[in-house]
Amino acid sequence: MKREQAAFDVPDMKCSGCVERMQSVLARLDGVQSASTDLEEKTATVRHDADRTSPDAILDAIETAGYSPTHS
């Protein structure tokens, strides 16, 4: 297992419902070990197994959930 961390800016995350949705989306991704979101900073930080997922796959999942993330 190759553990990595990826950080994303999510400027359109605006409320606690967005945080809950983001946590739910990230928790369902294969290879994600943990995820934290910061509503005030509008960021998401994801620890993942690089052998099972990638920052691009995480970015795609966040986009599919309706947000406009960038890899920071």
PDB file of N, CA and C in Angstrom:
ATOM      1  N   MET A   1       0.852  -1.172   0.000  1.00  0.00           N
ATOM      2  CA  MET A   1       0.000   0.000   0.000  1.00  0.00           C
ATOM      3  C   MET A   1       0.899   1.237   0.000  1.00  0.00           C
ATOM      4  N   LYS A   2       0.617   2.128  -0.921  1.00  0.00           N
ATOM      5  CA  LYS A   2       1.366   3.374  -1.027  1.00  0.00           C
ATOM      6  C   LYS A   2       0.458   4.512  -0.569  1.00  0.00           C
ATOM      7  N   ARG A   3       0.713   5.039   0.616  1.00  0.00           N
ATOM      8  CA  ARG A   3      -0.142   6.085   1.182  1.00  0.00           C
ATOM      9  C   ARG A   3       0.310   7.459   0.719  1.00  0.00           C
ATOM     10  N   GLU A   4      -0.660   8.244   0.283  1.00  0.00           N
ATOM     11  CA  GLU A   4      -0.403   9.613  -0.143  1.00  0.00           C
ATOM     12  C   GLU A   4      -1.507  10.512   0.378  1.00  0.00           C
ATOM     13  N   GLN A   5      -1.244  11.811   0.327  1.00  0.00           N
ATOM     14  CA  GLN A   5      -2.237  12.796   0.730  1.00  0.00           C
ATOM     15  C   GLN A   5      -2.405  13.791  -0.407  1.00  0.00           C
ATOM     16  N   ALA A   6      -3.634  14.159  -0.682  1.00  0.00           N
ATOM     17  CA  ALA A   6      -3.930  15.143  -1.719  1.00  0.00           C
ATOM     18  C   ALA A   6      -4.840  16.212  -1.127  1.00  0.00           C
ATOM     19  N   ALA A   7      -4.605  17.450  -1.520  1.00  0.00           N
ATOM     20  CA  ALA A   7      -5.412  18.567  -1.032  1.00  0.00           C
ATOM     21  C   ALA A   7      -6.112  19.234  -2.213  1.00  0.00           C
ATOM     22  N   PHE A   8      -7.331  19.669  -1.962  1.00  0.00           N
ATOM     23  CA  PHE A   8      -8.142  20.283  -3.007  1.00  0.00           C
ATOM     24  C   PHE A   8      -8.782  21.560  -2.481  1.00  0.00           C
ATOM     25  N   ASP A   9      -8.824  22.579  -3.321  1.00  0.00           N
ATOM     26  CA  ASP A   9      -9.600  23.779  -3.036  1.00  0.00           C
ATOM     27  C   ASP A   9     -10.986  23.542  -3.619  1.00  0.00           C
ATOM     28  N   VAL A  10     -12.009  23.830  -2.815  1.00  0.00           N
ATOM     29  CA  VAL A  10     -13.393  23.627  -3.261  1.00  0.00           C
ATOM     30  C   VAL A  10     -14.157  24.919  -2.958  1.00  0.00           C
ATOM     31  N   PRO A  11     -13.996  25.938  -3.827  1.00  0.00           N
ATOM     32  CA  PRO A  11     -14.548  27.258  -3.525  1.00  0.00           C
ATOM     33  C   PRO A  11     -16.068  27.310  -3.436  1.00  0.00           C
ATOM     34  N   ASP A  12     -16.767  26.356  -4.052  1.00  0.00           N
ATOM     35  CA  ASP A  12     -18.225  26.387  -4.007  1.00  0.00           C
ATOM     36  C   ASP A  12     -18.815  25.515  -2.898  1.00  0.00           C
ATOM     37  N   MET A  13     -17.999  25.114  -1.933  1.00  0.00           N
ATOM     38  CA  MET A  13     -18.483  24.424  -0.732  1.00  0.00           C
ATOM     39  C   MET A  13     -18.911  25.526   0.243  1.00  0.00           C
ATOM     40  N   LYS A  14     -20.228  25.652   0.476  1.00  0.00           N
ATOM     41  CA  LYS A  14     -20.737  26.830   1.170  1.00  0.00           C
ATOM     42  C   LYS A  14     -21.453  26.588   2.498  1.00  0.00           C
ATOM     43  N   CYS A  15     -21.804  25.331   2.807  1.00  0.00           N
ATOM     44  CA  CYS A  15     -22.597  25.114   4.017  1.00  0.00           C
ATOM     45  C   CYS A  15     -22.264  23.753   4.625  1.00  0.00           C
ATOM     46  N   SER A  16     -22.845  23.492   5.787  1.00  0.00           N
ATOM     47  CA  SER A  16     -22.582  22.213   6.450  1.00  0.00           C
ATOM     48  C   SER A  16     -23.121  21.043   5.627  1.00  0.00           C
ATOM     49  N   GLY A  17     -24.171  21.274   4.856  1.00  0.00           N
ATOM     50  CA  GLY A  17     -24.684  20.234   3.967  1.00  0.00           C
ATOM     51  C   GLY A  17     -23.664  19.871   2.896  1.00  0.00           C
ATOM     52  N   CYS A  18     -22.949  20.880   2.410  1.00  0.00           N
ATOM     53  CA  CYS A  18     -21.880  20.631   1.428  1.00  0.00           C
ATOM     54  C   CYS A  18     -20.780  19.781   2.056  1.00  0.00           C
ATOM     55  N   VAL A  19     -20.434  20.086   3.286  1.00  0.00           N
ATOM     56  CA  VAL A  19     -19.398  19.326   3.990  1.00  0.00           C
ATOM     57  C   VAL A  19     -19.834  17.869   4.126  1.00  0.00           C
ATOM     58  N   GLU A  20     -21.078  17.644   4.540  1.00  0.00           N
ATOM     59  CA  GLU A  20     -21.586  16.280   4.690  1.00  0.00           C
ATOM     60  C   GLU A  20     -21.592  15.542   3.355  1.00  0.00           C
ATOM     61  N   ARG A  21     -22.011  16.218   2.303  1.00  0.00           N
ATOM     62  CA  ARG A  21     -22.029  15.595   0.972  1.00  0.00           C
ATOM     63  C   ARG A  21     -20.612  15.238   0.537  1.00  0.00           C
ATOM     64  N   MET A  22     -19.682  16.154   0.736  1.00  0.00           N
ATOM     65  CA  MET A  22     -18.289  15.921   0.355  1.00  0.00           C
ATOM     66  C   MET A  22     -17.723  14.725   1.125  1.00  0.00           C
ATOM     67  N   GLN A  23     -17.967  14.666   2.425  1.00  0.00           N
ATOM     68  CA  GLN A  23     -17.485  13.551   3.241  1.00  0.00           C
ATOM     69  C   GLN A  23     -18.067  12.226   2.742  1.00  0.00           C
ATOM     70  N   SER A  24     -19.346  12.237   2.394  1.00  0.00           N
ATOM     71  CA  SER A  24     -20.007  11.028   1.910  1.00  0.00           C
ATOM     72  C   SER A  24     -19.414  10.570   0.579  1.00  0.00           C
ATOM     73  N   VAL A  25     -19.224  11.493  -0.331  1.00  0.00           N
ATOM     74  CA  VAL A  25     -18.658  11.166  -1.648  1.00  0.00           C
ATOM     75  C   VAL A  25     -17.255  10.598  -1.497  1.00  0.00           C
ATOM     76  N   LEU A  26     -16.436  11.236  -0.688  1.00  0.00           N
ATOM     77  CA  LEU A  26     -15.047  10.802  -0.524  1.00  0.00           C
ATOM     78  C   LEU A  26     -14.958   9.461   0.196  1.00  0.00           C
ATOM     79  N   ALA A  27     -15.835   9.234   1.170  1.00  0.00           N
ATOM     80  CA  ALA A  27     -15.809   7.981   1.930  1.00  0.00           C
ATOM     81  C   ALA A  27     -16.144   6.774   1.053  1.00  0.00           C
ATOM     82  N   ARG A  28     -16.912   6.992  -0.005  1.00  0.00           N
ATOM     83  CA  ARG A  28     -17.309   5.887  -0.890  1.00  0.00           C
ATOM     84  C   ARG A  28     -16.246   5.518  -1.917  1.00  0.00           C
ATOM     85  N   LEU A  29     -15.242   6.355  -2.087  1.00  0.00           N
ATOM     86  CA  LEU A  29     -14.214   6.079  -3.095  1.00  0.00           C
ATOM     87  C   LEU A  29     -13.288   4.954  -2.648  1.00  0.00           C
ATOM     88  N   ASP A  30     -13.083   3.995  -3.524  1.00  0.00           N
ATOM     89  CA  ASP A  30     -12.153   2.910  -3.251  1.00  0.00           C
ATOM     90  C   ASP A  30     -10.750   3.488  -3.079  1.00  0.00           C
ATOM     91  N   GLY A  31     -10.092   3.112  -2.008  1.00  0.00           N
ATOM     92  CA  GLY A  31      -8.726   3.555  -1.766  1.00  0.00           C
ATOM     93  C   GLY A  31      -8.601   4.760  -0.857  1.00  0.00           C
ATOM     94  N   VAL A  32      -9.713   5.441  -0.575  1.00  0.00           N
ATOM     95  CA  VAL A  32      -9.660   6.589   0.337  1.00  0.00           C
ATOM     96  C   VAL A  32      -9.639   6.063   1.763  1.00  0.00           C
ATOM     97  N   GLN A  33      -8.629   6.479   2.509  1.00  0.00           N
ATOM     98  CA  GLN A  33      -8.481   6.036   3.893  1.00  0.00           C
ATOM     99  C   GLN A  33      -9.110   7.022   4.864  1.00  0.00           C
ATOM    100  N   SER A  34      -8.977   8.317   4.574  1.00  0.00           N
ATOM    101  CA  SER A  34      -9.611   9.334   5.403  1.00  0.00           C
ATOM    102  C   SER A  34      -9.748  10.613   4.589  1.00  0.00           C
ATOM    103  N   ALA A  35     -10.708  11.413   4.992  1.00  0.00           N
ATOM    104  CA  ALA A  35     -10.926  12.692   4.324  1.00  0.00           C
ATOM    105  C   ALA A  35     -11.365  13.708   5.359  1.00  0.00           C
ATOM    106  N   SER A  36     -10.853  14.911   5.222  1.00  0.00           N
ATOM    107  CA  SER A  36     -11.295  15.991   6.094  1.00  0.00           C
ATOM    108  C   SER A  36     -11.630  17.191   5.224  1.00  0.00           C
ATOM    109  N   THR A  37     -12.637  17.923   5.651  1.00  0.00           N
ATOM    110  CA  THR A  37     -13.043  19.119   4.928  1.00  0.00           C
ATOM    111  C   THR A  37     -13.021  20.296   5.877  1.00  0.00           C
ATOM    112  N   ASP A  38     -12.735  21.462   5.336  1.00  0.00           N
ATOM    113  CA  ASP A  38     -12.708  22.691   6.122  1.00  0.00           C
ATOM    114  C   ASP A  38     -13.598  23.700   5.409  1.00  0.00           C
ATOM    115  N   LEU A  39     -14.762  23.941   5.974  1.00  0.00           N
ATOM    116  CA  LEU A  39     -15.731  24.836   5.350  1.00  0.00           C
ATOM    117  C   LEU A  39     -15.205  26.266   5.289  1.00  0.00           C
ATOM    118  N   GLU A  40     -14.565  26.718   6.356  1.00  0.00           N
ATOM    119  CA  GLU A  40     -14.056  28.090   6.394  1.00  0.00           C
ATOM    120  C   GLU A  40     -12.986  28.319   5.328  1.00  0.00           C
ATOM    121  N   GLU A  41     -12.081  27.360   5.187  1.00  0.00           N
ATOM    122  CA  GLU A  41     -11.003  27.474   4.199  1.00  0.00           C
ATOM    123  C   GLU A  41     -11.429  26.979   2.817  1.00  0.00           C
ATOM    124  N   LYS A  42     -12.577  26.275   2.777  1.00  0.00           N
ATOM    125  CA  LYS A  42     -13.104  25.694   1.534  1.00  0.00           C
ATOM    126  C   LYS A  42     -12.100  24.728   0.898  1.00  0.00           C
ATOM    127  N   THR A  43     -11.651  23.784   1.732  1.00  0.00           N
ATOM    128  CA  THR A  43     -10.675  22.791   1.280  1.00  0.00           C
ATOM    129  C   THR A  43     -11.107  21.381   1.681  1.00  0.00           C
ATOM    130  N   ALA A  44     -10.546  20.420   0.971  1.00  0.00           N
ATOM    131  CA  ALA A  44     -10.699  19.006   1.319  1.00  0.00           C
ATOM    132  C   ALA A  44      -9.316  18.373   1.254  1.00  0.00           C
ATOM    133  N   THR A  45      -8.987  17.588   2.266  1.00  0.00           N
ATOM    134  CA  THR A  45      -7.715  16.879   2.309  1.00  0.00           C
ATOM    135  C   THR A  45      -8.021  15.394   2.400  1.00  0.00           C
ATOM    136  N   VAL A  46      -7.393  14.625   1.519  1.00  0.00           N
ATOM    137  CA  VAL A  46      -7.725  13.207   1.396  1.00  0.00           C
ATOM    138  C   VAL A  46      -6.460  12.367   1.508  1.00  0.00           C
ATOM    139  N   ARG A  47      -6.466  11.411   2.431  1.00  0.00           N
ATOM    140  CA  ARG A  47      -5.402  10.411   2.507  1.00  0.00           C
ATOM    141  C   ARG A  47      -5.901   9.183   1.772  1.00  0.00           C
ATOM    142  N   HIS A  48      -5.050   8.678   0.869  1.00  0.00           N
ATOM    143  CA  HIS A  48      -5.496   7.576   0.024  1.00  0.00           C
ATOM    144  C   HIS A  48      -4.362   6.620  -0.298  1.00  0.00           C
ATOM    145  N   ASP A  49      -4.765   5.445  -0.745  1.00  0.00           N
ATOM    146  CA  ASP A  49      -3.835   4.425  -1.213  1.00  0.00           C
ATOM    147  C   ASP A  49      -3.597   4.699  -2.695  1.00  0.00           C
ATOM    148  N   ALA A  50      -2.388   5.138  -3.028  1.00  0.00           N
ATOM    149  CA  ALA A  50      -2.065   5.515  -4.405  1.00  0.00           C
ATOM    150  C   ALA A  50      -2.102   4.333  -5.363  1.00  0.00           C
ATOM    151  N   ASP A  51      -2.081   3.117  -4.834  1.00  0.00           N
ATOM    152  CA  ASP A  51      -2.203   1.939  -5.690  1.00  0.00           C
ATOM    153  C   ASP A  51      -3.653   1.685  -6.108  1.00  0.00           C
ATOM    154  N   ARG A  52      -4.606   2.328  -5.409  1.00  0.00           N
ATOM    155  CA  ARG A  52      -6.026   2.070  -5.674  1.00  0.00           C
ATOM    156  C   ARG A  52      -6.789   3.279  -6.204  1.00  0.00           C
ATOM    157  N   THR A  53      -6.282   4.488  -5.979  1.00  0.00           N
ATOM    158  CA  THR A  53      -6.931   5.689  -6.506  1.00  0.00           C
ATOM    159  C   THR A  53      -5.881   6.765  -6.701  1.00  0.00           C
ATOM    160  N   SER A  54      -6.282   7.844  -7.334  1.00  0.00           N
ATOM    161  CA  SER A  54      -5.346   8.924  -7.650  1.00  0.00           C
ATOM    162  C   SER A  54      -5.993  10.273  -7.369  1.00  0.00           C
ATOM    163  N   PRO A  55      -5.184  11.333  -7.271  1.00  0.00           N
ATOM    164  CA  PRO A  55      -5.767  12.663  -7.104  1.00  0.00           C
ATOM    165  C   PRO A  55      -6.750  13.014  -8.230  1.00  0.00           C
ATOM    166  N   ASP A  56      -6.456  12.577  -9.456  1.00  0.00           N
ATOM    167  CA  ASP A  56      -7.376  12.859 -10.567  1.00  0.00           C
ATOM    168  C   ASP A  56      -8.719  12.165 -10.375  1.00  0.00           C
ATOM    169  N   ALA A  57      -8.712  10.933  -9.885  1.00  0.00           N
ATOM    170  CA  ALA A  57      -9.963  10.211  -9.634  1.00  0.00           C
ATOM    171  C   ALA A  57     -10.754  10.877  -8.512  1.00  0.00           C
ATOM    172  N   ILE A  58     -10.050  11.359  -7.498  1.00  0.00           N
ATOM    173  CA  ILE A  58     -10.712  12.064  -6.395  1.00  0.00           C
ATOM    174  C   ILE A  58     -11.312  13.365  -6.909  1.00  0.00           C
ATOM    175  N   LEU A  59     -10.556  14.089  -7.713  1.00  0.00           N
ATOM    176  CA  LEU A  59     -11.031  15.329  -8.321  1.00  0.00           C
ATOM    177  C   LEU A  59     -12.295  15.071  -9.142  1.00  0.00           C
ATOM    178  N   ASP A  60     -12.290  14.017  -9.937  1.00  0.00           N
ATOM    179  CA  ASP A  60     -13.460  13.661 -10.748  1.00  0.00           C
ATOM    180  C   ASP A  60     -14.679  13.369  -9.876  1.00  0.00           C
ATOM    181  N   ALA A  61     -14.473  12.670  -8.765  1.00  0.00           N
ATOM    182  CA  ALA A  61     -15.588  12.345  -7.865  1.00  0.00           C
ATOM    183  C   ALA A  61     -16.175  13.611  -7.250  1.00  0.00           C
ATOM    184  N   ILE A  62     -15.320  14.549  -6.879  1.00  0.00           N
ATOM    185  CA  ILE A  62     -15.801  15.818  -6.311  1.00  0.00           C
ATOM    186  C   ILE A  62     -16.581  16.594  -7.371  1.00  0.00           C
ATOM    187  N   GLU A  63     -16.080  16.594  -8.602  1.00  0.00           N
ATOM    188  CA  GLU A  63     -16.786  17.270  -9.697  1.00  0.00           C
ATOM    189  C   GLU A  63     -18.144  16.621  -9.956  1.00  0.00           C
ATOM    190  N   THR A  64     -18.189  15.293  -9.938  1.00  0.00           N
ATOM    191  CA  THR A  64     -19.441  14.569 -10.163  1.00  0.00           C
ATOM    192  C   THR A  64     -20.474  14.914  -9.088  1.00  0.00           C
ATOM    193  N   ALA A  65     -19.994  15.238  -7.889  1.00  0.00           N
ATOM    194  CA  ALA A  65     -20.890  15.621  -6.796  1.00  0.00           C
ATOM    195  C   ALA A  65     -21.425  17.044  -6.965  1.00  0.00           C
ATOM    196  N   GLY A  66     -20.928  17.764  -7.992  1.00  0.00           N
ATOM    197  CA  GLY A  66     -21.467  19.090  -8.278  1.00  0.00           C
ATOM    198  C   GLY A  66     -20.589  20.252  -7.868  1.00  0.00           C
ATOM    199  N   TYR A  67     -19.351  19.985  -7.535  1.00  0.00           N
ATOM    200  CA  TYR A  67     -18.445  21.044  -7.097  1.00  0.00           C
ATOM    201  C   TYR A  67     -17.374  21.303  -8.152  1.00  0.00           C
ATOM    202  N   SER A  68     -16.645  22.410  -7.979  1.00  0.00           N
ATOM    203  CA  SER A  68     -15.598  22.812  -8.928  1.00  0.00           C
ATOM    204  C   SER A  68     -14.245  22.844  -8.225  1.00  0.00           C
ATOM    205  N   PRO A  69     -13.677  21.677  -7.933  1.00  0.00           N
ATOM    206  CA  PRO A  69     -12.423  21.633  -7.179  1.00  0.00           C
ATOM    207  C   PRO A  69     -11.198  21.876  -8.058  1.00  0.00           C
ATOM    208  N   THR A  70     -10.125  22.274  -7.408  1.00  0.00           N
ATOM    209  CA  THR A  70      -8.811  22.311  -8.043  1.00  0.00           C
ATOM    210  C   THR A  70      -7.847  21.607  -7.108  1.00  0.00           C
ATOM    211  N   HIS A  71      -6.886  20.930  -7.687  1.00  0.00           N
ATOM    212  CA  HIS A  71      -5.861  20.238  -6.891  1.00  0.00           C
ATOM    213  C   HIS A  71      -4.889  21.302  -6.407  1.00  0.00           C
ATOM    214  N   SER A  72      -4.689  21.384  -5.092  1.00  0.00           N
ATOM    215  CA  SER A  72      -3.798  22.431  -4.566  1.00  0.00           C
ATOM    216  C   SER A  72      -2.475  21.873  -4.127  1.00  0.00           C
TER     217      SER A  72
END
